[in-house]
Amino acid sequence: MHDRGIQLLRNKTIAIEHGKSRIWIAGIDDALVSAADLDQALRDIPAPETTVLLAHEPDVADYVARFPG
């Protein structure tokens, strides 16, 4: 994927900016193999900013809903 210019978001975040607006796209690795690290994925995002979280497993949403931020 890297050779094709596709950035993998394994416990990482990228910002997409347009003018003065910004949205964050965060991705966590596979939680079923204990590779997901939500703290690492979200640590650089300012609290009031809009964030979209990508995860492999829908059950992660229950945990993320309780995450401070």
PDB file of N, CA and C in Angstrom:
ATOM      1  N   MET A   1       0.810  -1.183   0.000  1.00  0.00           N
ATOM      2  CA  MET A   1       0.000   0.000   0.000  1.00  0.00           C
ATOM      3  C   MET A   1       0.861   1.256   0.000  1.00  0.00           C
ATOM      4  N   HIS A   2       1.943   1.208   0.762  1.00  0.00           N
ATOM      5  CA  HIS A   2       2.836   2.364   0.833  1.00  0.00           C
ATOM      6  C   HIS A   2       3.360   2.737  -0.551  1.00  0.00           C
ATOM      7  N   ASP A   3       3.689   1.736  -1.363  1.00  0.00           N
ATOM      8  CA  ASP A   3       4.185   1.987  -2.720  1.00  0.00           C
ATOM      9  C   ASP A   3       3.141   2.682  -3.587  1.00  0.00           C
ATOM     10  N   ARG A   4       1.884   2.537  -3.247  1.00  0.00           N
ATOM     11  CA  ARG A   4       0.788   3.160  -3.999  1.00  0.00           C
ATOM     12  C   ARG A   4       0.363   4.512  -3.414  1.00  0.00           C
ATOM     13  N   GLY A   5       1.095   4.959  -2.383  1.00  0.00           N
ATOM     14  CA  GLY A   5       0.788   6.248  -1.771  1.00  0.00           C
ATOM     15  C   GLY A   5      -0.358   6.215  -0.775  1.00  0.00           C
ATOM     16  N   ILE A   6      -0.696   5.024  -0.305  1.00  0.00           N
ATOM     17  CA  ILE A   6      -1.774   4.875   0.669  1.00  0.00           C
ATOM     18  C   ILE A   6      -1.159   4.811   2.060  1.00  0.00           C
ATOM     19  N   GLN A   7      -1.579   5.727   2.918  1.00  0.00           N
ATOM     20  CA  GLN A   7      -1.048   5.769   4.278  1.00  0.00           C
ATOM     21  C   GLN A   7      -1.906   4.899   5.189  1.00  0.00           C
ATOM     22  N   LEU A   8      -1.290   3.937   5.843  1.00  0.00           N
ATOM     23  CA  LEU A   8      -1.991   3.092   6.808  1.00  0.00           C
ATOM     24  C   LEU A   8      -2.076   3.826   8.137  1.00  0.00           C
ATOM     25  N   LEU A   9      -3.227   3.781   8.741  1.00  0.00           N
ATOM     26  CA  LEU A   9      -3.425   4.442  10.030  1.00  0.00           C
ATOM     27  C   LEU A   9      -3.497   3.391  11.126  1.00  0.00           C
ATOM     28  N   ARG A  10      -2.364   2.813  11.423  1.00  0.00           N
ATOM     29  CA  ARG A  10      -2.270   1.844  12.517  1.00  0.00           C
ATOM     30  C   ARG A  10      -1.883   2.596  13.779  1.00  0.00           C
ATOM     31  N   ASN A  11      -2.892   2.937  14.568  1.00  0.00           N
ATOM     32  CA  ASN A  11      -2.695   3.725  15.786  1.00  0.00           C
ATOM     33  C   ASN A  11      -2.077   5.077  15.457  1.00  0.00           C
ATOM     34  N   LYS A  12      -2.545   5.663  14.366  1.00  0.00           N
ATOM     35  CA  LYS A  12      -2.043   6.958  13.902  1.00  0.00           C
ATOM     36  C   LYS A  12      -3.198   7.859  13.513  1.00  0.00           C
ATOM     37  N   THR A  13      -2.860   9.119  13.308  1.00  0.00           N
ATOM     38  CA  THR A  13      -3.841  10.135  12.956  1.00  0.00           C
ATOM     39  C   THR A  13      -3.282  11.035  11.874  1.00  0.00           C
ATOM     40  N   ILE A  14      -4.169  11.481  10.986  1.00  0.00           N
ATOM     41  CA  ILE A  14      -3.792  12.513  10.018  1.00  0.00           C
ATOM     42  C   ILE A  14      -4.846  13.610  10.067  1.00  0.00           C
ATOM     43  N   ALA A  15      -4.435  14.814   9.750  1.00  0.00           N
ATOM     44  CA  ALA A  15      -5.366  15.943   9.674  1.00  0.00           C
ATOM     45  C   ALA A  15      -5.623  16.250   8.210  1.00  0.00           C
ATOM     46  N   ILE A  16      -6.868  16.527   7.909  1.00  0.00           N
ATOM     47  CA  ILE A  16      -7.248  16.970   6.572  1.00  0.00           C
ATOM     48  C   ILE A  16      -7.736  18.402   6.735  1.00  0.00           C
ATOM     49  N   GLU A  17      -7.074  19.320   6.029  1.00  0.00           N
ATOM     50  CA  GLU A  17      -7.389  20.731   6.180  1.00  0.00           C
ATOM     51  C   GLU A  17      -7.907  21.317   4.875  1.00  0.00           C
ATOM     52  N   HIS A  18      -8.866  22.219   5.027  1.00  0.00           N
ATOM     53  CA  HIS A  18      -9.419  22.946   3.888  1.00  0.00           C
ATOM     54  C   HIS A  18      -9.696  24.363   4.374  1.00  0.00           C
ATOM     55  N   GLY A  19      -8.916  25.307   3.906  1.00  0.00           N
ATOM     56  CA  GLY A  19      -9.049  26.670   4.413  1.00  0.00           C
ATOM     57  C   GLY A  19      -8.724  26.715   5.890  1.00  0.00           C
ATOM     58  N   LYS A  20      -9.655  27.221   6.686  1.00  0.00           N
ATOM     59  CA  LYS A  20      -9.456  27.286   8.140  1.00  0.00           C
ATOM     60  C   LYS A  20     -10.094  26.104   8.868  1.00  0.00           C
ATOM     61  N   SER A  21     -10.669  25.195   8.112  1.00  0.00           N
ATOM     62  CA  SER A  21     -11.323  24.029   8.709  1.00  0.00           C
ATOM     63  C   SER A  21     -10.389  22.831   8.733  1.00  0.00           C
ATOM     64  N   ARG A  22     -10.592  21.984   9.720  1.00  0.00           N
ATOM     65  CA  ARG A  22      -9.753  20.789   9.847  1.00  0.00           C
ATOM     66  C   ARG A  22     -10.572  19.662  10.459  1.00  0.00           C
ATOM     67  N   ILE A  23     -10.324  18.462   9.959  1.00  0.00           N
ATOM     68  CA  ILE A  23     -10.923  17.250  10.511  1.00  0.00           C
ATOM     69  C   ILE A  23      -9.799  16.225  10.659  1.00  0.00           C
ATOM     70  N   TRP A  24      -9.877  15.440  11.693  1.00  0.00           N
ATOM     71  CA  TRP A  24      -8.856  14.427  11.959  1.00  0.00           C
ATOM     72  C   TRP A  24      -9.407  13.048  11.616  1.00  0.00           C
ATOM     73  N   ILE A  25      -8.577  12.244  10.976  1.00  0.00           N
ATOM     74  CA  ILE A  25      -8.911  10.849  10.690  1.00  0.00           C
ATOM     75  C   ILE A  25      -7.932  10.003  11.498  1.00  0.00           C
ATOM     76  N   ALA A  26      -8.461   9.227  12.420  1.00  0.00           N
ATOM     77  CA  ALA A  26      -7.625   8.377  13.267  1.00  0.00           C
ATOM     78  C   ALA A  26      -7.964   6.920  12.978  1.00  0.00           C
ATOM     79  N   GLY A  27      -6.958   6.087  13.000  1.00  0.00           N
ATOM     80  CA  GLY A  27      -7.175   4.665  12.786  1.00  0.00           C
ATOM     81  C   GLY A  27      -6.482   3.857  13.862  1.00  0.00           C
ATOM     82  N   ILE A  28      -7.160   2.833  14.334  1.00  0.00           N
ATOM     83  CA  ILE A  28      -6.514   1.938  15.296  1.00  0.00           C
ATOM     84  C   ILE A  28      -6.329   0.575  14.654  1.00  0.00           C
ATOM     85  N   ASP A  29      -5.307  -0.097  15.103  1.00  0.00           N
ATOM     86  CA  ASP A  29      -4.983  -1.427  14.583  1.00  0.00           C
ATOM     87  C   ASP A  29      -6.004  -2.443  15.101  1.00  0.00           C
ATOM     88  N   ASP A  30      -5.821  -3.657  14.745  1.00  0.00           N
ATOM     89  CA  ASP A  30      -6.751  -4.739  15.055  1.00  0.00           C
ATOM     90  C   ASP A  30      -6.823  -5.014  16.556  1.00  0.00           C
ATOM     91  N   ALA A  31      -7.980  -4.795  17.151  1.00  0.00           N
ATOM     92  CA  ALA A  31      -8.156  -5.023  18.588  1.00  0.00           C
ATOM     93  C   ALA A  31      -8.181  -6.502  18.937  1.00  0.00           C
ATOM     94  N   LEU A  32      -8.545  -7.344  18.008  1.00  0.00           N
ATOM     95  CA  LEU A  32      -8.632  -8.776  18.294  1.00  0.00           C
ATOM     96  C   LEU A  32      -7.267  -9.415  18.509  1.00  0.00           C
ATOM     97  N   VAL A  33      -6.222  -8.787  18.017  1.00  0.00           N
ATOM     98  CA  VAL A  33      -4.866  -9.305  18.252  1.00  0.00           C
ATOM     99  C   VAL A  33      -4.110  -8.391  19.215  1.00  0.00           C
ATOM    100  N   SER A  34      -4.869  -7.584  19.956  1.00  0.00           N
ATOM    101  CA  SER A  34      -4.322  -6.678  20.975  1.00  0.00           C
ATOM    102  C   SER A  34      -3.303  -5.696  20.419  1.00  0.00           C
ATOM    103  N   ALA A  35      -3.486  -5.270  19.180  1.00  0.00           N
ATOM    104  CA  ALA A  35      -2.571  -4.298  18.585  1.00  0.00           C
ATOM    105  C   ALA A  35      -3.159  -2.888  18.577  1.00  0.00           C
ATOM    106  N   ALA A  36      -4.422  -2.737  18.938  1.00  0.00           N
ATOM    107  CA  ALA A  36      -5.065  -1.420  18.948  1.00  0.00           C
ATOM    108  C   ALA A  36      -4.564  -0.587  20.116  1.00  0.00           C
ATOM    109  N   ASP A  37      -4.221   0.667  19.840  1.00  0.00           N
ATOM    110  CA  ASP A  37      -3.757   1.577  20.886  1.00  0.00           C
ATOM    111  C   ASP A  37      -4.465   2.918  20.691  1.00  0.00           C
ATOM    112  N   LEU A  38      -5.627   3.054  21.309  1.00  0.00           N
ATOM    113  CA  LEU A  38      -6.436   4.243  21.160  1.00  0.00           C
ATOM    114  C   LEU A  38      -5.733   5.485  21.691  1.00  0.00           C
ATOM    115  N   ASP A  39      -5.038   5.366  22.822  1.00  0.00           N
ATOM    116  CA  ASP A  39      -4.302   6.498  23.378  1.00  0.00           C
ATOM    117  C   ASP A  39      -3.289   7.035  22.368  1.00  0.00           C
ATOM    118  N   GLN A  40      -2.546   6.158  21.759  1.00  0.00           N
ATOM    119  CA  GLN A  40      -1.540   6.566  20.784  1.00  0.00           C
ATOM    120  C   GLN A  40      -2.196   7.214  19.562  1.00  0.00           C
ATOM    121  N   ALA A  41      -3.293   6.650  19.113  1.00  0.00           N
ATOM    122  CA  ALA A  41      -3.957   7.164  17.918  1.00  0.00           C
ATOM    123  C   ALA A  41      -4.534   8.560  18.130  1.00  0.00           C
ATOM    124  N   LEU A  42      -4.995   8.860  19.326  1.00  0.00           N
ATOM    125  CA  LEU A  42      -5.689  10.130  19.580  1.00  0.00           C
ATOM    126  C   LEU A  42      -4.861  11.180  20.307  1.00  0.00           C
ATOM    127  N   ARG A  43      -3.666  10.886  20.717  1.00  0.00           N
ATOM    128  CA  ARG A  43      -2.926  11.787  21.601  1.00  0.00           C
ATOM    129  C   ARG A  43      -2.593  13.150  21.008  1.00  0.00           C
ATOM    130  N   ASP A  44      -2.445  13.284  19.709  1.00  0.00           N
ATOM    131  CA  ASP A  44      -2.052  14.566  19.114  1.00  0.00           C
ATOM    132  C   ASP A  44      -3.231  15.412  18.650  1.00  0.00           C
ATOM    133  N   ILE A  45      -4.449  14.955  18.902  1.00  0.00           N
ATOM    134  CA  ILE A  45      -5.632  15.683  18.441  1.00  0.00           C
ATOM    135  C   ILE A  45      -6.093  16.652  19.534  1.00  0.00           C
ATOM    136  N   PRO A  46      -6.186  17.952  19.198  1.00  0.00           N
ATOM    137  CA  PRO A  46      -6.704  18.912  20.182  1.00  0.00           C
ATOM    138  C   PRO A  46      -8.147  18.556  20.549  1.00  0.00           C
ATOM    139  N   ALA A  47      -8.492  18.709  21.816  1.00  0.00           N
ATOM    140  CA  ALA A  47      -9.795  18.276  22.342  1.00  0.00           C
ATOM    141  C   ALA A  47     -11.014  18.786  21.575  1.00  0.00           C
ATOM    142  N   PRO A  48     -11.074  20.045  21.165  1.00  0.00           N
ATOM    143  CA  PRO A  48     -12.322  20.482  20.519  1.00  0.00           C
ATOM    144  C   PRO A  48     -12.439  20.121  19.041  1.00  0.00           C
ATOM    145  N   GLU A  49     -11.478  19.423  18.491  1.00  0.00           N
ATOM    146  CA  GLU A  49     -11.456  19.148  17.050  1.00  0.00           C
ATOM    147  C   GLU A  49     -12.317  17.932  16.686  1.00  0.00           C
ATOM    148  N   THR A  50     -12.886  17.979  15.490  1.00  0.00           N
ATOM    149  CA  THR A  50     -13.705  16.890  14.978  1.00  0.00           C
ATOM    150  C   THR A  50     -12.809  15.733  14.562  1.00  0.00           C
ATOM    151  N   THR A  51     -13.186  14.512  14.966  1.00  0.00           N
ATOM    152  CA  THR A  51     -12.378  13.335  14.685  1.00  0.00           C
ATOM    153  C   THR A  51     -13.260  12.191  14.194  1.00  0.00           C
ATOM    154  N   VAL A  52     -12.770  11.506  13.174  1.00  0.00           N
ATOM    155  CA  VAL A  52     -13.405  10.282  12.684  1.00  0.00           C
ATOM    156  C   VAL A  52     -12.453   9.144  13.026  1.00  0.00           C
ATOM    157  N   LEU A  53     -12.942   8.143  13.731  1.00  0.00           N
ATOM    158  CA  LEU A  53     -12.114   7.009  14.127  1.00  0.00           C
ATOM    159  C   LEU A  53     -12.458   5.795  13.273  1.00  0.00           C
ATOM    160  N   LEU A  54     -11.431   5.197  12.691  1.00  0.00           N
ATOM    161  CA  LEU A  54     -11.585   3.982  11.900  1.00  0.00           C
ATOM    162  C   LEU A  54     -11.107   2.799  12.728  1.00  0.00           C
ATOM    163  N   ALA A  55     -11.937   1.762  12.793  1.00  0.00           N
ATOM    164  CA  ALA A  55     -11.583   0.568  13.565  1.00  0.00           C
ATOM    165  C   ALA A  55     -12.071  -0.666  12.821  1.00  0.00           C
ATOM    166  N   HIS A  56     -11.383  -1.777  13.026  1.00  0.00           N
ATOM    167  CA  HIS A  56     -11.745  -3.028  12.369  1.00  0.00           C
ATOM    168  C   HIS A  56     -12.987  -3.669  12.982  1.00  0.00           C
ATOM    169  N   GLU A  57     -13.150  -3.519  14.287  1.00  0.00           N
ATOM    170  CA  GLU A  57     -14.222  -4.202  15.003  1.00  0.00           C
ATOM    171  C   GLU A  57     -15.267  -3.203  15.505  1.00  0.00           C
ATOM    172  N   PRO A  58     -16.545  -3.431  15.232  1.00  0.00           N
ATOM    173  CA  PRO A  58     -17.582  -2.501  15.691  1.00  0.00           C
ATOM    174  C   PRO A  58     -17.711  -2.434  17.210  1.00  0.00           C
ATOM    175  N   ASP A  59     -17.310  -3.472  17.918  1.00  0.00           N
ATOM    176  CA  ASP A  59     -17.409  -3.462  19.383  1.00  0.00           C
ATOM    177  C   ASP A  59     -16.506  -2.409  20.014  1.00  0.00           C
ATOM    178  N   VAL A  60     -15.521  -1.947  19.296  1.00  0.00           N
ATOM    179  CA  VAL A  60     -14.627  -0.907  19.812  1.00  0.00           C
ATOM    180  C   VAL A  60     -15.412   0.368  20.104  1.00  0.00           C
ATOM    181  N   ALA A  61     -16.517   0.596  19.401  1.00  0.00           N
ATOM    182  CA  ALA A  61     -17.329   1.804  19.598  1.00  0.00           C
ATOM    183  C   ALA A  61     -17.821   1.913  21.042  1.00  0.00           C
ATOM    184  N   ASP A  62     -18.156   0.806  21.678  1.00  0.00           N
ATOM    185  CA  ASP A  62     -18.604   0.837  23.073  1.00  0.00           C
ATOM    186  C   ASP A  62     -17.514   1.381  23.984  1.00  0.00           C
ATOM    187  N   TYR A  63     -16.269   0.986  23.735  1.00  0.00           N
ATOM    188  CA  TYR A  63     -15.149   1.472  24.539  1.00  0.00           C
ATOM    189  C   TYR A  63     -14.855   2.934  24.223  1.00  0.00           C
ATOM    190  N   VAL A  64     -14.826   3.283  22.964  1.00  0.00           N
ATOM    191  CA  VAL A  64     -14.480   4.642  22.527  1.00  0.00           C
ATOM    192  C   VAL A  64     -15.507   5.650  23.051  1.00  0.00           C
ATOM    193  N   ALA A  65     -16.760   5.259  23.158  1.00  0.00           N
ATOM    194  CA  ALA A  65     -17.799   6.165  23.654  1.00  0.00           C
ATOM    195  C   ALA A  65     -17.511   6.634  25.061  1.00  0.00           C
ATOM    196  N   ARG A  66     -16.753   5.881  25.844  1.00  0.00           N
ATOM    197  CA  ARG A  66     -16.399   6.247  27.208  1.00  0.00           C
ATOM    198  C   ARG A  66     -15.044   6.949  27.286  1.00  0.00           C
ATOM    199  N   PHE A  67     -14.370   7.087  26.144  1.00  0.00           N
ATOM    200  CA  PHE A  67     -13.030   7.669  26.110  1.00  0.00           C
ATOM    201  C   PHE A  67     -13.124   9.184  26.328  1.00  0.00           C
ATOM    202  N   PRO A  68     -12.289   9.739  27.212  1.00  0.00           N
ATOM    203  CA  PRO A  68     -12.334  11.196  27.428  1.00  0.00           C
ATOM    204  C   PRO A  68     -11.898  11.959  26.174  1.00  0.00           C
ATOM    205  N   GLY A  69     -12.497  13.100  25.971  1.00  0.00           N
ATOM    206  CA  GLY A  69     -12.073  13.900  24.824  1.00  0.00           C
ATOM    207  C   GLY A  69     -13.054  14.792  24.341  1.00  0.00           C
TER     208      GLY A  69
END
